[in-house]
Amino acid sequence: MEKGLGWIVFAWLLLITAGVMNIIKGIAALDQTAFWTDYGSIIVYGDLRTWGWILLVWGILLLLAALSVYRGGGFGRWIGIIAASVNLFFQFIFLPAYPFWALSIMVVDVLVIYGLAVYGGLAEED
């Protein structure tokens, strides 16, 4: 078994999960559903459709990054690190409302960053 493979699989699965969730959120925002009602004052600072397109494109980019991580490419490694870093930053917004959830996601983001930073480039070196 390759060293660090577990970390890469962990990061890959979380990138897929984040991508699918962002696509679902983007479609919900484009549809103008009541999904965003409770969080509207925290998240949406502009038009809901604009955020819907942003989330949809971001989700597709995350799925492409997951595919690249699966194939051992550097694109997925760096997009995954950037995505986890951005998500880590934005979890600070949710700390007052959902402290345990936000802290849990922060820990997962740090683990993804570690896995991709330390073991993400091993396939490129071979």
C-alpha atoms as a PDB file:
ATOM      1  CA  MET A   1       0.000   0.000   0.000  1.00  0.00           C
ATOM      2  CA  GLU A   2       1.283   3.436  -0.955  1.00  0.00           C
ATOM      3  CA  LYS A   3       2.289   5.784   1.860  1.00  0.00           C
ATOM      4  CA  GLY A   4      -0.378   8.422   2.505  1.00  0.00           C
ATOM      5  CA  LEU A   5      -3.024   6.745   0.358  1.00  0.00           C
ATOM      6  CA  GLY A   6      -5.579   6.962   3.171  1.00  0.00           C
ATOM      7  CA  TRP A   7      -5.107  10.736   3.388  1.00  0.00           C
ATOM      8  CA  ILE A   8      -5.561  11.107  -0.362  1.00  0.00           C
ATOM      9  CA  VAL A   9      -8.719   8.975  -0.382  1.00  0.00           C
ATOM     10  CA  PHE A  10     -10.062  10.983   2.584  1.00  0.00           C
ATOM     11  CA  ALA A  11      -9.446  14.286   0.786  1.00  0.00           C
ATOM     12  CA  TRP A  12     -10.872  12.882  -2.462  1.00  0.00           C
ATOM     13  CA  LEU A  13     -14.102  11.773  -0.800  1.00  0.00           C
ATOM     14  CA  LEU A  14     -14.532  15.099   0.957  1.00  0.00           C
ATOM     15  CA  LEU A  15     -13.968  17.012  -2.280  1.00  0.00           C
ATOM     16  CA  ILE A  16     -16.676  14.905  -3.936  1.00  0.00           C
ATOM     17  CA  THR A  17     -19.035  15.503  -1.010  1.00  0.00           C
ATOM     18  CA  ALA A  18     -18.388  19.246  -0.994  1.00  0.00           C
ATOM     19  CA  GLY A  19     -18.832  19.434  -4.759  1.00  0.00           C
ATOM     20  CA  VAL A  20     -22.158  17.611  -4.728  1.00  0.00           C
ATOM     21  CA  MET A  21     -23.435  19.656  -1.787  1.00  0.00           C
ATOM     22  CA  ASN A  22     -22.483  22.938  -3.471  1.00  0.00           C
ATOM     23  CA  ILE A  23     -24.204  21.862  -6.682  1.00  0.00           C
ATOM     24  CA  ILE A  24     -27.367  21.049  -4.708  1.00  0.00           C
ATOM     25  CA  LYS A  25     -27.186  24.399  -2.870  1.00  0.00           C
ATOM     26  CA  GLY A  26     -26.601  26.208  -6.151  1.00  0.00           C
ATOM     27  CA  ILE A  27     -29.614  24.582  -7.781  1.00  0.00           C
ATOM     28  CA  ALA A  28     -31.715  25.431  -4.710  1.00  0.00           C
ATOM     29  CA  ALA A  29     -30.591  29.061  -4.885  1.00  0.00           C
ATOM     30  CA  LEU A  30     -31.291  29.263  -8.624  1.00  0.00           C
ATOM     31  CA  ASP A  31     -34.762  27.879  -7.980  1.00  0.00           C
ATOM     32  CA  GLN A  32     -35.326  30.579  -5.308  1.00  0.00           C
ATOM     33  CA  THR A  33     -36.503  27.959  -2.799  1.00  0.00           C
ATOM     34  CA  ALA A  34     -37.065  28.559   0.894  1.00  0.00           C
ATOM     35  CA  PHE A  35     -33.931  26.514   1.610  1.00  0.00           C
ATOM     36  CA  TRP A  36     -31.973  29.709   2.342  1.00  0.00           C
ATOM     37  CA  THR A  37     -34.600  31.404   4.521  1.00  0.00           C
ATOM     38  CA  ASP A  38     -32.904  30.944   7.907  1.00  0.00           C
ATOM     39  CA  TYR A  39     -29.422  31.685   6.597  1.00  0.00           C
ATOM     40  CA  GLY A  40     -30.198  34.501   4.206  1.00  0.00           C
ATOM     41  CA  SER A  41     -28.993  37.274   6.460  1.00  0.00           C
ATOM     42  CA  ILE A  42     -25.681  35.488   7.082  1.00  0.00           C
ATOM     43  CA  ILE A  43     -24.801  34.218   3.631  1.00  0.00           C
ATOM     44  CA  VAL A  44     -26.563  36.187   0.921  1.00  0.00           C
ATOM     45  CA  TYR A  45     -25.235  39.703   0.453  1.00  0.00           C
ATOM     46  CA  GLY A  46     -26.466  40.010  -3.119  1.00  0.00           C
ATOM     47  CA  ASP A  47     -28.908  38.419  -5.493  1.00  0.00           C
ATOM     48  CA  LEU A  48     -29.777  34.815  -4.649  1.00  0.00           C
ATOM     49  CA  ARG A  49     -29.455  33.755  -8.287  1.00  0.00           C
ATOM     50  CA  THR A  50     -25.913  35.139  -8.427  1.00  0.00           C
ATOM     51  CA  TRP A  51     -24.941  33.042  -5.415  1.00  0.00           C
ATOM     52  CA  GLY A  52     -26.671  30.085  -7.010  1.00  0.00           C
ATOM     53  CA  TRP A  53     -24.455  30.323 -10.096  1.00  0.00           C
ATOM     54  CA  ILE A  54     -21.354  30.829  -7.946  1.00  0.00           C
ATOM     55  CA  LEU A  55     -22.150  27.729  -5.897  1.00  0.00           C
ATOM     56  CA  LEU A  56     -22.975  25.695  -8.987  1.00  0.00           C
ATOM     57  CA  VAL A  57     -19.687  26.576 -10.707  1.00  0.00           C
ATOM     58  CA  TRP A  58     -17.739  26.068  -7.459  1.00  0.00           C
ATOM     59  CA  GLY A  59     -19.314  22.625  -7.034  1.00  0.00           C
ATOM     60  CA  ILE A  60     -18.375  21.606 -10.571  1.00  0.00           C
ATOM     61  CA  LEU A  61     -14.826  22.872  -9.986  1.00  0.00           C
ATOM     62  CA  LEU A  62     -14.626  20.781  -6.804  1.00  0.00           C
ATOM     63  CA  LEU A  63     -15.768  17.676  -8.672  1.00  0.00           C
ATOM     64  CA  LEU A  64     -13.100  18.291 -11.319  1.00  0.00           C
ATOM     65  CA  ALA A  65     -10.551  18.737  -8.538  1.00  0.00           C
ATOM     66  CA  ALA A  66     -11.668  15.431  -6.994  1.00  0.00           C
ATOM     67  CA  LEU A  67     -11.213  13.726 -10.352  1.00  0.00           C
ATOM     68  CA  SER A  68      -7.731  15.214 -10.604  1.00  0.00           C
ATOM     69  CA  VAL A  69      -6.851  14.059  -7.062  1.00  0.00           C
ATOM     70  CA  TYR A  70      -8.071  10.577  -7.982  1.00  0.00           C
ATOM     71  CA  ARG A  71      -5.808  10.555 -11.036  1.00  0.00           C
ATOM     72  CA  GLY A  72      -2.861  12.006  -9.078  1.00  0.00           C
ATOM     73  CA  GLY A  73      -2.786  15.450 -10.711  1.00  0.00           C
ATOM     74  CA  GLY A  74      -1.528  18.674  -9.197  1.00  0.00           C
ATOM     75  CA  PHE A  75      -4.628  20.664 -10.222  1.00  0.00           C
ATOM     76  CA  GLY A  76      -6.829  18.781  -7.765  1.00  0.00           C
ATOM     77  CA  ARG A  77      -4.251  19.047  -5.040  1.00  0.00           C
ATOM     78  CA  TRP A  78      -4.078  22.826  -5.231  1.00  0.00           C
ATOM     79  CA  ILE A  79      -7.791  23.397  -5.809  1.00  0.00           C
ATOM     80  CA  GLY A  80      -8.508  21.087  -2.852  1.00  0.00           C
ATOM     81  CA  ILE A  81      -6.110  23.011  -0.617  1.00  0.00           C
ATOM     82  CA  ILE A  82      -7.604  26.336  -1.725  1.00  0.00           C
ATOM     83  CA  ALA A  83     -11.180  25.084  -1.287  1.00  0.00           C
ATOM     84  CA  ALA A  84     -10.514  23.725   2.187  1.00  0.00           C
ATOM     85  CA  SER A  85      -8.748  26.969   3.144  1.00  0.00           C
ATOM     86  CA  VAL A  86     -11.642  29.109   1.910  1.00  0.00           C
ATOM     87  CA  ASN A  87     -14.129  26.871   3.703  1.00  0.00           C
ATOM     88  CA  LEU A  88     -12.030  27.056   6.874  1.00  0.00           C
ATOM     89  CA  PHE A  89     -12.137  30.847   6.691  1.00  0.00           C
ATOM     90  CA  PHE A  90     -15.902  30.970   6.105  1.00  0.00           C
ATOM     91  CA  GLN A  91     -16.633  28.667   9.033  1.00  0.00           C
ATOM     92  CA  PHE A  92     -15.746  31.601  11.274  1.00  0.00           C
ATOM     93  CA  ILE A  93     -18.980  33.258  10.077  1.00  0.00           C
ATOM     94  CA  PHE A  94     -20.998  30.338  11.453  1.00  0.00           C
ATOM     95  CA  LEU A  95     -19.208  30.122  14.828  1.00  0.00           C
ATOM     96  CA  PRO A  96     -21.768  32.271  16.709  1.00  0.00           C
ATOM     97  CA  ALA A  97     -24.747  30.369  15.286  1.00  0.00           C
ATOM     98  CA  TYR A  98     -23.401  26.796  15.150  1.00  0.00           C
ATOM     99  CA  PRO A  99     -20.200  26.564  17.224  1.00  0.00           C
ATOM    100  CA  PHE A 100     -19.833  22.775  17.422  1.00  0.00           C
ATOM    101  CA  TRP A 101     -20.665  22.232  13.756  1.00  0.00           C
ATOM    102  CA  ALA A 102     -18.331  25.007  12.619  1.00  0.00           C
ATOM    103  CA  LEU A 103     -15.472  23.693  14.763  1.00  0.00           C
ATOM    104  CA  SER A 104     -16.032  20.156  13.468  1.00  0.00           C
ATOM    105  CA  ILE A 105     -15.872  21.321   9.859  1.00  0.00           C
ATOM    106  CA  MET A 106     -12.767  23.383  10.653  1.00  0.00           C
ATOM    107  CA  VAL A 107     -10.996  20.268  11.925  1.00  0.00           C
ATOM    108  CA  VAL A 108     -11.976  18.363   8.780  1.00  0.00           C
ATOM    109  CA  ASP A 109     -10.710  21.233   6.598  1.00  0.00           C
ATOM    110  CA  VAL A 110      -7.361  21.224   8.389  1.00  0.00           C
ATOM    111  CA  LEU A 111      -7.083  17.447   7.886  1.00  0.00           C
ATOM    112  CA  VAL A 112      -7.843  17.787   4.160  1.00  0.00           C
ATOM    113  CA  ILE A 113      -5.237  20.543   3.809  1.00  0.00           C
ATOM    114  CA  TYR A 114      -2.688  18.378   5.624  1.00  0.00           C
ATOM    115  CA  GLY A 115      -3.440  15.296   3.537  1.00  0.00           C
ATOM    116  CA  LEU A 116      -3.208  17.135   0.232  1.00  0.00           C
ATOM    117  CA  ALA A 117      -0.190  19.236   1.194  1.00  0.00           C
ATOM    118  CA  VAL A 118       1.885  16.349   2.546  1.00  0.00           C
ATOM    119  CA  TYR A 119       0.785  13.406   0.405  1.00  0.00           C
ATOM    120  CA  GLY A 120      -0.968  15.011  -2.576  1.00  0.00           C
ATOM    121  CA  GLY A 121       2.136  15.321  -4.710  1.00  0.00           C
ATOM    122  CA  LEU A 122       3.450  11.773  -4.328  1.00  0.00           C
ATOM    123  CA  ALA A 123       1.951  10.581  -7.614  1.00  0.00           C
ATOM    124  CA  GLU A 124       3.651  13.469  -9.453  1.00  0.00           C
ATOM    125  CA  GLU A 125       7.077  12.519  -8.100  1.00  0.00           C
ATOM    126  CA  ASP A 126       6.944   8.939  -9.445  1.00  0.00           C
END
